[in-house]
């Protein structure tokens, strides 16, 4: 090797050594990031301020390490254990959506006192467990929750949602006043634990009229009950639309440094945090299970810690969409309807049944290396149990139930909301003219819109033919049938099922049922009979087993099962059934559907006894099949 080559080689080696040294030095510096917070203290009134790009508790910087939990998605008996588990992950704050429609159960009727709706009890647990709280009251929350938390009856009033429309403002004002009443005594300024209240939610994705968030702030201010600061939450490019002057910035997901810079360019002194960083993701029916790998999740949260960005982990614990609470996604052209599954496991660090996962322990170890506060031991979770295989008995059909229920007739089909029904099923019945001919004739029935899933029966004379299904997920709004014979009229009966109001996307006009006109052979049909079957609770009248409908109809199954030994949480494996609902001891566990990916429904110990009753309504199956209780979702 000549001298020039030797020198070049030596210099190249120095360059490599220098780069390696700088890289290792930066890594070491990041590894040494230790975050210290002032102690949790409620013995005196405290101050919480937004100043100099920081959160200041009694004048000292506070690093917010939050985890999202929704008390509406977990039995109240488990609230304390879930909060303790979140604290054992290393977090110091709970981020909490309040679902408006979880509390305003009818127009002007609020329920904050039932055990699973008692917000004050939840906040008291947070206080006793020394966890701060971020309140996210909407009124729109998204959250894969029915209609983003808004009450369904707004859809019958022709209200412009999430706007300064006087009808919308009139609807949200009593709700905001009531939430303010519930949280006022738990603010950090009153020896409580609530640090901030969020104004709206991701408004930048939805609208462009910034006067609406400002109006919301005014309504909160007018309550004279809120003493803590406000914050907003938006995607990075939308933060200016949803921002309220004087409020902290929340970024969803808050993983891009340029978004923090953009926020400071809008209001320099305001602190900016990641209001939603995702350790997992949501899952729709017919999708694969969504999720995130452990390595990338830990890396993303460690980057937030390294950069000393306060954060909220959405979700740290997901829970379940019990009953009819699951929402749906859609696009703005109303062509991509995607209903959410019943499980809200979210691939979160704490799974649906409350157990810490491998992701939990990996995050915990990382947080322990950076957070200079006491991280408690992981609490013991609720006992799990299996249920031996059993087979319920076929017990009548929804068609027979429908025959016994009252009916109301309108010239045009009415939506669920107009008839004051949130979800469940409405049965539409009407007559159509057909040809009296020996030649086979094709007929087509179509709709302006039909939402979301329907079963169609055509009856000619005394013979009823099941003609199939209409599925909004497949963008269907018509079906055809053929007939030849001696008749001039046919009776069409359509069972229409709602699958959750859209919570993200095309939300403003997501009425359920048959919307608009019904056409038969391109001619408008009128004189439509309606029968309402809400399904939140078990129908009051279930036909006896001796009255089983011979058609391929919507079938009830009823049975009992025993738990041997200690009662615990279980998962009912519904894979031998097709599509429907399950009630255990009168509690609606939610929907199942064999298109997956979910095949098992979480059944908490809080609703179980030694001897239990189960009722199944399957919309597509009339043969009883065995099921059993298992230990895991997957």
Foldseek 3Di string as FASTA:
>chain_A
DDPVVVVVVVVVVVVVVVVVVVVVVVVVVLLQAADEADDQDLPAFWDWAFFQQATAINHHGDFAAEAEDELLQDQLVCLLQLLLQVLLLVGQAYEYEDQQCVACVDQVHGDCDDSSNVVLVSQVSCQVVRHAYEYEHAPAQLLLWFLSRDDLLVQVVPADPLDVGVVNCVRCLVVLLVVLVRCLCQDSRNSHHYAEYEQHAQCLQPDQPLVSSVVSVVSNVVSVRDDHAYEYEHALVRQVRNDDPRHAYEHVQAQDPVSQVVVCVVPVRGHYAHAEHEQWAFDFQLDPGTGDDLVVSLVSVSVCSSVSGRYYYVHQAFHWQFFQTGAWAAAQVLQATTTGDGARQRNHCQGHQRHGDPSSVSSSVSSVSHYPDDNDDNDDGWDFAKFDKDWFAWFAFVVVVQVPFDKDKFFFDDFCSNVVADWFKKKKKFKDWDDAAQDKDKKKKFAPDADAKKWKWKAFDHDIDTQGMAGSNNVDTMDMDIDYHGGTMIMMMMIGGHRGQHSYHNRNNRTHGGPDFMDMVRHTGTTMMIGDDRRSWPPPDTHGRVNYDPDQFWIKTKDKTFTPDDQFKWKKFQLVAAWWWKDKLGTTQYIDHNSDPWRITIDGSVNDDRMIMMMITGGRHRDIDMIMIHGDRD
